[in-house]
Amino acid sequence: MAVRPGKRGSTWFWKAALFLVLLMVPLGIGVLGMLWDFLEEYQESLPENAAQQGLMLFENQQLEALAPYFSYTPHPLEAEGNFAQAVEQYFAPKEGGKGEYSLIPKVGTGSEKRFVVALDGVQIAELVLTPSGKTQRYQLDTWQISDIEVSPISGKYGVEILAPAGIQLTINAKDLSQDYMVDNAVAMDVSGYQELPEGYGQPTYIRYRVEGLLQMPQVEAQAVDGGSCALNLTEEKDGIAYYEVIHYASEEFASASGVKAENVAKLYAEFITKDASFGELLPYLLENGSLYNHLYGFSNAWYITHDANAFENLEMDNFILYDASHYSCNIQFDYYIYMGSKSYQYPTAYTLYFVREGEQWKLASLEVPLRETERSLRNLVGLMEQGIVSETTKERLMELEAYKSDLKQLISKEEMKKPLLSKERIIHWLESFKGGDPKSVEYQRRVIDTLVNSVYVYDTDGGKGRRIVLTYNISGQNTSTITVSDIACFAPGPRKKWVKCR
């Protein structure tokens, strides 16, 4: 049998080729794997890759990672969570925006690359990239975010508070310390203390001011003496809210002080109607105060004689402590005057302003509380003009308007106690004296009380003589001076020889 030449060599060839193929496949796969790894590391080493990671912080709203890049030191009185909210608002899409983030490369250097982060096409931050100093498997340098430049977040809100002494204030549930006090003697604008005598100062506030807060804070006030407080917003301007604190006295203080306040209010009403004397009222008054000066020399002789008087429906409230030396309260009652079978009702309302004199409280002034109501109305209208309107504001405005109307009626009725005297009324009053008995002590007292305001007696000539000065309840020349010799001239009986009459 013949053997074909070349078959043995052909088999060897294919075996060698197969061997080479089997050898090259793993080698190629390894090379391709190395090339893939290289490309991955190269991609990771590009600054765009690091910038893309920074962009994801914004897209995923990773606020905790972004917060350290803002130049902000939390305010000691800032509410918890306000900073996180401020960061969130900073990166929130503007009205009408789609909320799309993008990267915009900027011209950089070999050691620094910059990328702009834009939100809906508007720049909100800038990424600063620098070499990380770390190399990978193939000795490629990598980049890292070394800084994120954003506009600083700063607080633009604050409060200014006027508060009496003895009030504990809190801002966002944190105690307001004396470090925020800017003035400890701000004069209060209280109508009842505008005309105090020398040596008596007006009540004062303490002024506190807090600025640099990220949001308008929550303000609370508490009286340390057990009383209550009212926190009134008087104005809001340029991010600053202005408050005024009213300190309402404790029930214990109101109960102890209310007895004297009730007594003096009743005595005042009775003095006007000739049911009490100035001497009875005097111990309650602050000497040389506005009420004292008004009542000193005041004549109530014009008031018609009546049989009796009475007080009904008496109520007291609104005990306000301005400081340790000043307080006021409101009192209202129905004052009745009885004349025979007739009775006259006078609804009455007073605001009493007291000043401490040593260990006692003295009445400095008294007024019908219309001015304070009008002031509150002006404040509310001012707030509404600034756009600060709520249902509470509207309700309070309606309450004050109604109260103002009631007060005007009370004032009108109060003025009825001192009516303008017509010609007919004066004639009728004068004729009422015609039928009197000059010998009657009561009649004599009535004439003197009507015409004579005061009588002063003092020594003259080193105590050898006497002089009497009379002040009358008439206009023009309302005083006259009488000496002892004048009395002797007009006295009944024979005239003494030593008396020289003019």
Protein backbone atom coordinates (compact mmCIF):
# COMPACT_ATOMS: atom_id res chain seq x y z
CA MET A 1 0.00 0.00 0.00
CA ALA A 2 1.45 3.34 -1.06
CA VAL A 3 1.79 6.30 1.39
CA ARG A 4 0.95 9.81 0.24
CA PRO A 5 3.71 12.26 0.87
CA GLY A 6 2.97 15.57 3.00
CA LYS A 7 0.08 14.37 5.19
CA ARG A 8 2.22 14.10 8.32
CA GLY A 9 3.49 17.68 7.91
CA SER A 10 0.01 19.10 7.37
CA THR A 11 -1.24 17.65 10.62
CA TRP A 12 1.59 19.21 12.55
CA PHE A 13 0.82 22.59 11.00
CA TRP A 14 -2.77 22.61 12.11
CA LYS A 15 -1.80 21.50 15.54
CA ALA A 16 0.66 24.38 15.79
CA ALA A 17 -1.92 26.84 14.51
CA LEU A 18 -4.45 25.64 17.01
CA PHE A 19 -1.88 25.96 19.75
CA LEU A 20 -1.09 29.53 18.73
CA VAL A 21 -4.79 30.40 18.62
CA LEU A 22 -5.34 28.95 22.04
CA LEU A 23 -2.34 30.89 23.29
CA MET A 24 -3.32 34.24 21.74
CA VAL A 25 -6.95 34.28 22.88
CA PRO A 26 -6.18 34.60 26.60
CA LEU A 27 -3.36 36.94 25.81
CA GLY A 28 -5.69 39.12 23.77
CA ILE A 29 -8.32 39.01 26.39
CA GLY A 30 -5.77 40.09 28.98
CA VAL A 31 -4.58 42.92 26.78
CA LEU A 32 -8.11 44.04 26.14
CA GLY A 33 -8.81 43.89 29.88
CA MET A 34 -5.75 45.96 30.60
CA LEU A 35 -6.81 48.44 27.94
CA TRP A 36 -10.31 48.63 29.46
CA ASP A 37 -8.88 49.21 32.91
CA PHE A 38 -6.63 51.90 31.54
CA LEU A 39 -9.52 53.64 29.85
CA GLU A 40 -11.57 53.47 33.05
CA GLU A 41 -8.76 54.93 35.11
CA TYR A 42 -8.19 57.57 32.47
CA GLN A 43 -11.86 58.51 32.61
CA GLU A 44 -11.75 58.67 36.37
CA SER A 45 -8.63 60.84 36.24
CA LEU A 46 -10.34 63.51 34.12
CA PRO A 47 -11.44 66.66 36.02
CA GLU A 48 -14.85 66.35 34.33
CA ASN A 49 -15.43 63.16 36.28
CA ALA A 50 -14.84 64.88 39.61
CA ALA A 51 -17.00 67.79 38.49
CA GLN A 52 -19.78 65.38 37.58
CA GLN A 53 -19.66 63.96 41.10
CA GLY A 54 -20.01 67.51 42.44
CA LEU A 55 -23.00 68.09 40.17
CA MET A 56 -24.69 65.02 41.64
CA LEU A 57 -24.52 66.66 45.10
CA PHE A 58 -26.79 69.39 43.77
CA GLU A 59 -29.05 67.11 41.75
CA ASN A 60 -29.60 64.80 44.71
CA GLN A 61 -29.95 67.72 47.16
CA GLN A 62 -27.27 66.36 49.49
CA LEU A 63 -27.54 69.39 51.75
CA GLU A 64 -25.41 68.04 54.56
CA ALA A 65 -22.50 67.57 52.17
CA LEU A 66 -22.99 71.06 50.68
CA ALA A 67 -23.60 72.98 53.95
CA PRO A 68 -19.92 73.18 55.04
CA TYR A 69 -19.08 75.22 51.95
CA PHE A 70 -21.31 78.12 52.99
CA SER A 71 -19.62 80.92 54.92
CA TYR A 72 -22.08 81.02 57.81
CA THR A 73 -21.65 80.83 61.56
CA PRO A 74 -24.94 79.84 63.18
CA HIS A 75 -26.45 82.59 65.34
CA PRO A 76 -26.75 81.58 69.02
CA LEU A 77 -30.48 82.35 68.92
CA GLU A 78 -31.18 80.71 65.55
CA ALA A 79 -33.87 78.05 65.57
CA GLU A 80 -32.75 74.51 64.82
CA GLY A 81 -33.26 73.56 61.21
CA ASN A 82 -33.26 77.12 59.88
CA PHE A 83 -29.83 76.76 58.28
CA ALA A 84 -30.80 73.56 56.47
CA GLN A 85 -33.96 75.30 55.22
CA ALA A 86 -31.90 78.26 54.03
CA VAL A 87 -29.56 75.95 52.07
CA GLU A 88 -32.56 74.15 50.58
CA GLN A 89 -34.16 77.42 49.53
CA TYR A 90 -30.85 78.57 48.04
CA PHE A 91 -30.80 75.60 45.65
CA ALA A 92 -34.54 75.46 45.02
CA PRO A 93 -35.64 76.18 41.42
CA LYS A 94 -36.91 79.67 40.85
CA GLU A 95 -40.55 80.21 40.03
CA GLY A 96 -41.27 78.89 36.55
CA GLY A 97 -37.98 76.93 36.37
CA LYS A 98 -37.65 73.23 35.47
CA GLY A 99 -35.04 72.44 38.10
CA GLU A 100 -32.41 71.27 35.54
CA TYR A 101 -28.77 71.33 36.65
CA SER A 102 -25.83 71.57 34.24
CA LEU A 103 -22.03 71.93 34.23
CA ILE A 104 -20.25 74.68 32.34
CA PRO A 105 -16.42 74.34 32.14
CA LYS A 106 -14.27 77.41 32.66
CA VAL A 107 -10.73 78.12 31.59
CA GLY A 108 -8.36 76.62 34.15
CA THR A 109 -4.73 75.89 34.72
CA GLY A 110 -2.68 72.75 35.09
CA SER A 111 -3.13 72.82 38.82
CA GLU A 112 -6.73 74.08 39.05
CA LYS A 113 -9.87 73.44 37.06
CA ARG A 114 -13.20 75.27 37.48
CA PHE A 115 -16.74 74.32 36.55
CA VAL A 116 -19.88 76.40 36.91
CA VAL A 117 -22.97 74.69 38.34
CA ALA A 118 -26.06 76.19 36.75
CA LEU A 119 -29.71 75.75 37.68
CA ASP A 120 -32.02 76.40 34.77
CA GLY A 121 -29.13 78.20 33.11
CA VAL A 122 -28.39 80.47 36.10
CA GLN A 123 -25.13 80.08 38.00
CA ILE A 124 -25.61 78.99 41.61
CA ALA A 125 -22.14 77.69 42.46
CA GLU A 126 -18.63 77.14 41.16
CA LEU A 127 -16.63 73.94 41.64
CA VAL A 128 -12.90 74.30 42.24
CA LEU A 129 -10.88 71.16 41.37
CA THR A 130 -7.25 70.45 42.21
CA PRO A 131 -5.02 67.34 41.85
CA SER A 132 -5.66 64.88 44.65
CA GLY A 133 -2.00 63.87 44.89
CA LYS A 134 -2.97 60.24 44.46
CA THR A 135 -2.03 58.07 41.48
CA GLN A 136 -3.73 54.91 40.28
CA ARG A 137 -2.48 51.67 38.77
CA TYR A 138 -1.29 53.32 35.60
CA GLN A 139 0.22 56.34 37.37
CA LEU A 140 -2.53 58.72 36.22
CA ASP A 141 -3.16 61.78 38.42
CA THR A 142 -6.70 62.21 39.76
CA TRP A 143 -8.70 65.35 40.62
CA GLN A 144 -10.80 66.22 43.64
CA ILE A 145 -13.25 68.96 44.65
CA SER A 146 -11.26 71.23 46.91
CA ASP A 147 -13.92 73.94 47.23
CA ILE A 148 -17.45 74.86 46.23
CA GLU A 149 -17.87 78.59 45.91
CA VAL A 150 -21.40 79.79 46.67
CA SER A 151 -22.82 83.13 47.72
CA PRO A 152 -22.62 83.41 51.53
CA ILE A 153 -25.85 82.74 53.39
CA SER A 154 -26.43 85.60 55.80
CA GLY A 155 -29.28 86.35 58.15
CA LYS A 156 -31.35 89.40 57.26
CA TYR A 157 -34.03 89.11 59.95
CA GLY A 158 -34.17 90.35 63.51
CA VAL A 159 -36.26 91.88 66.28
CA GLU A 160 -36.21 94.97 68.46
CA ILE A 161 -38.12 94.67 71.72
CA LEU A 162 -39.15 97.30 74.26
CA ALA A 163 -39.87 95.57 77.56
CA PRO A 164 -40.30 96.73 81.17
CA ALA A 165 -37.92 95.46 83.82
CA GLY A 166 -38.89 92.11 85.28
CA ILE A 167 -39.71 90.47 81.93
CA GLN A 168 -37.95 87.31 80.73
CA LEU A 169 -37.75 87.23 76.95
CA THR A 170 -37.05 84.23 74.75
CA ILE A 171 -36.07 84.11 71.08
CA ASN A 172 -36.80 80.77 69.40
CA ALA A 173 -37.25 79.23 72.87
CA LYS A 174 -33.78 80.47 73.96
CA ASP A 175 -33.35 82.97 76.80
CA LEU A 176 -32.48 86.49 75.67
CA SER A 177 -29.48 87.62 77.72
CA GLN A 178 -28.35 91.11 78.68
CA ASP A 179 -25.78 90.90 75.87
CA TYR A 180 -28.54 91.99 73.49
CA MET A 181 -29.59 95.02 75.58
CA VAL A 182 -28.86 98.28 73.72
CA ASP A 183 -30.57 100.78 76.06
CA ASN A 184 -31.84 100.39 79.62
CA ALA A 185 -33.73 103.68 79.93
CA VAL A 186 -36.09 104.31 77.02
CA ALA A 187 -38.86 106.67 78.11
CA MET A 188 -42.34 105.24 77.70
CA ASP A 189 -44.97 107.25 75.86
CA VAL A 190 -47.70 106.99 78.50
CA SER A 191 -50.16 109.86 78.49
CA GLY A 192 -50.80 109.67 82.23
CA TYR A 193 -47.15 110.39 83.08
CA GLN A 194 -46.48 113.36 80.81
CA GLU A 195 -46.74 115.99 83.58
CA LEU A 196 -45.00 114.61 86.64
CA PRO A 197 -43.63 116.97 89.29
CA GLU A 198 -39.91 117.58 89.69
CA GLY A 199 -38.08 114.63 91.15
CA TYR A 200 -40.35 112.01 89.57
CA GLY A 201 -39.20 110.33 86.38
CA GLN A 202 -41.29 108.74 83.67
CA PRO A 203 -41.44 104.95 83.43
CA THR A 204 -38.81 103.42 81.16
CA TYR A 205 -38.35 100.41 78.90
CA ILE A 206 -35.34 98.24 78.30
CA ARG A 207 -34.53 98.00 74.59
CA TYR A 208 -33.22 94.71 73.17
CA ARG A 209 -32.07 94.15 69.58
CA VAL A 210 -31.22 90.92 67.77
CA GLU A 211 -30.02 90.85 64.16
CA GLY A 212 -28.60 88.38 61.65
CA LEU A 213 -31.21 85.61 61.88
CA LEU A 214 -32.08 83.48 58.85
CA GLN A 215 -35.81 83.59 59.53
CA MET A 216 -38.17 85.79 61.51
CA PRO A 217 -37.88 84.43 65.05
CA GLN A 218 -40.51 83.30 67.53
CA VAL A 219 -40.62 85.80 70.41
CA GLU A 220 -42.16 85.12 73.82
CA ALA A 221 -42.34 87.16 77.02
CA GLN A 222 -43.01 86.05 80.58
CA ALA A 223 -43.34 88.10 83.77
CA VAL A 224 -41.10 86.88 86.57
CA ASP A 225 -43.55 88.09 89.27
CA GLY A 226 -46.33 85.76 88.23
CA GLY A 227 -48.18 88.34 86.14
CA SER A 228 -48.89 88.05 82.43
CA CYS A 229 -47.58 89.73 79.31
CA ALA A 230 -48.91 90.98 76.00
CA LEU A 231 -46.46 91.09 73.11
CA ASN A 232 -47.59 93.71 70.61
CA LEU A 233 -46.11 93.91 67.11
CA THR A 234 -45.93 97.64 66.39
CA GLU A 235 -44.02 97.66 63.10
CA GLU A 236 -42.17 95.46 60.63
CA LYS A 237 -39.56 97.15 58.46
CA ASP A 238 -36.48 95.99 56.51
CA GLY A 239 -36.61 92.53 58.04
CA ILE A 240 -36.82 93.82 61.61
CA ALA A 241 -39.95 93.22 63.70
CA TYR A 242 -40.59 95.77 66.44
CA TYR A 243 -42.36 94.62 69.59
CA GLU A 244 -43.63 96.30 72.72
CA VAL A 245 -44.26 94.28 75.86
CA ILE A 246 -47.10 95.16 78.24
CA HIS A 247 -46.69 93.79 81.76
CA TYR A 248 -50.00 92.99 83.45
CA ALA A 249 -49.70 92.79 87.22
CA SER A 250 -50.29 89.58 89.12
CA GLU A 251 -53.64 88.90 90.78
CA GLU A 252 -52.00 89.44 94.16
CA PHE A 253 -50.80 92.92 93.18
CA ALA A 254 -54.14 93.82 91.59
CA SER A 255 -56.04 92.69 94.66
CA ALA A 256 -53.84 94.66 97.07
CA SER A 257 -53.73 97.83 94.93
CA GLY A 258 -57.34 97.67 93.80
CA VAL A 259 -58.70 98.74 97.19
CA LYS A 260 -56.94 102.10 97.08
CA ALA A 261 -57.70 102.55 93.39
CA GLU A 262 -61.40 101.96 94.01
CA ASN A 263 -61.48 104.39 96.94
CA VAL A 264 -59.77 107.20 95.06
CA ALA A 265 -61.95 106.74 91.95
CA LYS A 266 -65.11 106.97 94.05
CA LEU A 267 -63.81 109.98 95.97
CA TYR A 268 -63.00 111.74 92.72
CA ALA A 269 -66.50 111.18 91.38
CA GLU A 270 -67.99 112.33 94.69
CA PHE A 271 -65.76 115.38 94.80
CA ILE A 272 -67.03 116.48 91.39
CA THR A 273 -70.62 116.20 92.62
CA LYS A 274 -69.90 117.84 96.00
CA ASP A 275 -70.30 114.58 97.92
CA ALA A 276 -66.68 114.60 99.10
CA SER A 277 -64.22 117.35 99.99
CA PHE A 278 -60.80 118.02 98.53
CA GLY A 279 -59.37 117.24 101.95
CA GLU A 280 -60.73 113.69 101.75
CA LEU A 281 -59.17 113.23 98.32
CA LEU A 282 -55.85 114.89 99.15
CA PRO A 283 -54.09 111.91 100.88
CA TYR A 284 -54.44 109.87 97.70
CA LEU A 285 -52.98 112.49 95.32
CA LEU A 286 -49.39 113.03 94.20
CA GLU A 287 -48.58 116.56 95.28
CA ASN A 288 -48.03 118.88 92.31
CA GLY A 289 -49.06 116.13 89.92
CA SER A 290 -51.34 116.99 87.00
CA LEU A 291 -54.51 115.82 88.80
CA TYR A 292 -53.49 117.55 92.03
CA ASN A 293 -52.91 120.84 90.20
CA HIS A 294 -56.18 120.49 88.32
CA LEU A 295 -58.24 119.86 91.43
CA TYR A 296 -56.44 122.34 93.66
CA GLY A 297 -58.69 125.37 93.73
CA PHE A 298 -61.27 123.59 91.58
CA SER A 299 -64.79 124.72 92.36
CA ASN A 300 -67.63 122.23 92.35
CA ALA A 301 -70.14 124.79 93.60
CA TRP A 302 -71.92 124.71 90.26
CA TYR A 303 -73.21 121.19 90.88
CA ILE A 304 -76.88 121.04 91.75
CA THR A 305 -77.71 120.03 95.29
CA HIS A 306 -79.00 116.48 95.52
CA ASP A 307 -80.07 113.99 98.14
CA ALA A 308 -77.77 110.99 97.72
CA ASN A 309 -75.37 109.15 95.43
CA ALA A 310 -74.50 105.49 94.80
CA PHE A 311 -72.09 103.26 92.85
CA GLU A 312 -73.18 100.15 91.01
CA ASN A 313 -71.70 97.62 88.57
CA LEU A 314 -68.13 98.47 89.54
CA GLU A 315 -65.40 96.62 87.63
CA MET A 316 -61.62 96.97 87.65
CA ASP A 317 -59.09 95.51 85.22
CA ASN A 318 -56.03 96.19 83.11
CA PHE A 319 -53.54 96.59 85.95
CA ILE A 320 -50.38 97.49 84.03
CA LEU A 321 -46.97 97.59 85.72
CA TYR A 322 -44.67 99.95 83.84
CA ASP A 323 -41.85 99.50 86.33
CA ALA A 324 -41.37 99.30 90.09
CA SER A 325 -42.61 102.90 90.55
CA HIS A 326 -45.47 103.23 88.07
CA TYR A 327 -48.68 101.36 87.42
CA SER A 328 -52.13 102.09 86.02
CA CYS A 329 -55.52 100.43 86.07
CA ASN A 330 -58.97 100.86 84.58
CA ILE A 331 -62.14 101.23 86.59
CA GLN A 332 -65.71 101.58 85.43
CA PHE A 333 -68.99 101.88 87.24
CA ASP A 334 -72.44 103.38 87.06
CA TYR A 335 -72.66 106.52 89.19
CA TYR A 336 -76.16 107.41 90.38
CA ILE A 337 -77.34 110.80 91.65
CA TYR A 338 -80.68 110.95 93.46
CA MET A 339 -82.79 114.11 93.61
CA GLY A 340 -86.08 113.48 95.28
CA SER A 341 -87.92 110.82 93.32
CA LYS A 342 -85.59 111.17 90.32
CA SER A 343 -82.32 109.38 89.68
CA TYR A 344 -79.61 110.16 87.15
CA GLN A 345 -77.26 107.49 85.86
CA TYR A 346 -73.71 108.37 84.75
CA PRO A 347 -71.79 105.45 83.20
CA THR A 348 -68.20 106.25 84.18
CA ALA A 349 -64.80 104.92 83.11
CA TYR A 350 -61.39 106.10 84.31
CA THR A 351 -57.78 105.13 83.81
CA LEU A 352 -55.84 105.82 87.01
CA TYR A 353 -52.08 106.42 86.87
CA PHE A 354 -50.20 105.86 90.12
CA VAL A 355 -46.64 106.73 91.19
CA ARG A 356 -44.78 105.22 94.11
CA GLU A 357 -43.90 107.72 96.83
CA GLY A 358 -41.86 105.97 99.46
CA GLU A 359 -43.93 102.97 100.51
CA GLN A 360 -47.23 104.38 99.23
CA TRP A 361 -48.87 104.71 95.84
CA LYS A 362 -50.13 108.19 94.90
CA LEU A 363 -52.51 109.08 92.10
CA ALA A 364 -50.65 111.20 89.53
CA SER A 365 -53.36 111.57 86.90
CA LEU A 366 -56.78 110.35 85.86
CA GLU A 367 -58.28 110.24 82.41
CA VAL A 368 -61.04 108.69 80.40
CA PRO A 369 -59.12 106.06 78.37
CA LEU A 370 -59.81 107.37 74.88
CA ARG A 371 -56.30 108.44 73.94
CA GLU A 372 -54.79 104.99 74.50
CA THR A 373 -57.58 103.41 72.46
CA GLU A 374 -56.94 105.81 69.58
CA ARG A 375 -53.22 105.05 69.80
CA SER A 376 -53.90 101.29 69.57
CA LEU A 377 -56.15 101.92 66.59
CA ARG A 378 -53.40 103.91 64.85
CA ASN A 379 -50.93 101.08 65.45
CA LEU A 380 -53.31 98.49 64.00
CA VAL A 381 -54.05 100.65 60.95
CA GLY A 382 -50.31 101.10 60.47
CA LEU A 383 -49.78 97.33 60.48
CA MET A 384 -52.58 96.84 57.97
CA GLU A 385 -51.05 99.49 55.70
CA GLN A 386 -47.81 97.47 55.78
CA GLY A 387 -49.72 94.41 54.64
CA ILE A 388 -49.63 92.68 58.04
CA VAL A 389 -53.25 91.59 58.14
CA SER A 390 -54.82 88.61 59.88
CA GLU A 391 -58.24 87.66 61.19
CA THR A 392 -57.01 88.51 64.69
CA THR A 393 -55.94 91.97 63.51
CA LYS A 394 -59.34 92.60 61.94
CA GLU A 395 -61.20 91.40 65.03
CA ARG A 396 -59.06 93.57 67.32
CA LEU A 397 -59.64 96.58 65.05
CA MET A 398 -63.41 96.11 65.25
CA GLU A 399 -63.23 95.70 69.04
CA LEU A 400 -61.26 98.93 69.44
CA GLU A 401 -63.58 100.84 67.12
CA ALA A 402 -66.57 99.73 69.19
CA TYR A 403 -64.74 100.56 72.43
CA LYS A 404 -63.82 103.99 71.07
CA SER A 405 -67.47 104.65 70.27
CA ASP A 406 -68.48 103.61 73.78
CA LEU A 407 -65.81 105.83 75.31
CA LYS A 408 -67.00 108.84 73.39
CA GLN A 409 -70.47 108.27 74.79
CA LEU A 410 -69.00 107.97 78.28
CA ILE A 411 -67.06 111.19 77.82
CA SER A 412 -70.18 112.98 76.68
CA LYS A 413 -72.06 111.74 79.75
CA GLU A 414 -69.11 112.65 81.96
CA GLU A 415 -69.16 116.16 80.54
CA MET A 416 -72.85 116.35 81.39
CA LYS A 417 -71.75 116.45 85.00
CA LYS A 418 -70.15 119.82 84.16
CA PRO A 419 -72.66 121.31 81.73
CA LEU A 420 -72.24 124.71 80.10
CA LEU A 421 -74.26 127.21 82.10
CA SER A 422 -76.89 129.04 80.09
CA LYS A 423 -78.27 132.48 81.00
CA GLU A 424 -81.55 130.96 82.15
CA ARG A 425 -79.75 128.39 84.29
CA ILE A 426 -77.64 131.05 86.00
CA ILE A 427 -80.72 133.21 86.70
CA HIS A 428 -82.55 130.21 88.12
CA TRP A 429 -79.56 129.36 90.30
CA LEU A 430 -79.22 132.93 91.63
CA GLU A 431 -82.92 133.15 92.36
CA SER A 432 -82.63 130.00 94.45
CA PHE A 433 -80.82 132.14 97.04
CA LYS A 434 -83.66 134.67 97.32
CA GLY A 435 -85.78 132.58 99.60
CA GLY A 436 -82.98 131.62 101.97
CA ASP A 437 -82.80 132.67 105.62
CA PRO A 438 -79.63 134.75 106.25
CA LYS A 439 -79.67 133.61 109.86
CA SER A 440 -79.59 129.93 108.87
CA VAL A 441 -76.16 128.36 109.28
CA GLU A 442 -76.87 125.99 106.39
CA TYR A 443 -77.82 128.90 104.15
CA GLN A 444 -74.70 130.82 105.20
CA ARG A 445 -72.54 127.78 104.45
CA ARG A 446 -74.13 127.41 101.02
CA VAL A 447 -73.41 131.06 100.14
CA ILE A 448 -69.81 130.81 101.34
CA ASP A 449 -69.19 127.49 99.58
CA THR A 450 -70.54 128.96 96.39
CA LEU A 451 -68.68 132.26 96.35
CA VAL A 452 -65.52 131.63 98.39
CA ASN A 453 -62.80 129.36 97.09
CA SER A 454 -60.23 129.60 99.89
CA VAL A 455 -59.27 131.67 102.94
CA TYR A 456 -55.70 132.25 104.14
CA VAL A 457 -54.84 133.79 107.54
CA TYR A 458 -51.31 134.85 108.44
CA ASP A 459 -49.42 137.16 110.80
CA THR A 460 -48.18 140.67 109.98
CA ASP A 461 -46.01 143.24 111.78
CA GLY A 462 -43.99 140.58 113.51
CA GLY A 463 -47.03 138.79 114.88
CA LYS A 464 -48.82 141.92 116.13
CA GLY A 465 -51.35 141.98 113.32
CA ARG A 466 -53.40 139.59 111.26
CA ARG A 467 -54.23 139.56 107.60
CA ILE A 468 -56.84 137.48 105.80
CA VAL A 469 -56.72 136.77 102.04
CA LEU A 470 -59.91 135.50 100.40
CA THR A 471 -60.10 133.90 96.94
CA TYR A 472 -63.49 133.91 95.22
CA ASN A 473 -65.05 131.69 92.58
CA ILE A 474 -65.52 134.60 90.20
CA SER A 475 -63.61 135.93 87.24
CA GLY A 476 -61.68 139.20 87.17
CA GLN A 477 -60.60 140.50 90.58
CA ASN A 478 -61.16 137.31 92.52
CA THR A 479 -59.09 138.03 95.66
CA SER A 480 -59.36 140.48 98.52
CA THR A 481 -57.25 141.19 101.60
CA ILE A 482 -58.68 142.06 105.00
CA THR A 483 -56.77 143.21 108.07
CA VAL A 484 -57.83 143.08 111.70
CA SER A 485 -58.64 146.80 111.60
CA ASP A 486 -60.93 146.25 108.60
CA ILE A 487 -62.84 143.65 110.57
CA ALA A 488 -63.17 146.09 113.50
CA CYS A 489 -64.57 148.79 111.19
CA PHE A 490 -67.36 146.57 109.90
CA ALA A 491 -68.07 144.67 113.09
CA PRO A 492 -71.42 145.50 114.78
CA GLY A 493 -71.45 147.55 117.96
CA PRO A 494 -69.53 150.68 119.06
CA ARG A 495 -66.21 151.27 117.24
CA LYS A 496 -63.00 151.24 119.29
CA LYS A 497 -61.06 154.51 119.49
CA TRP A 498 -57.84 152.92 118.19
CA VAL A 499 -59.53 151.70 115.04
CA LYS A 500 -58.78 153.77 111.93
CA CYS A 501 -61.15 153.00 109.11
CA ARG A 502 -60.52 153.73 105.48
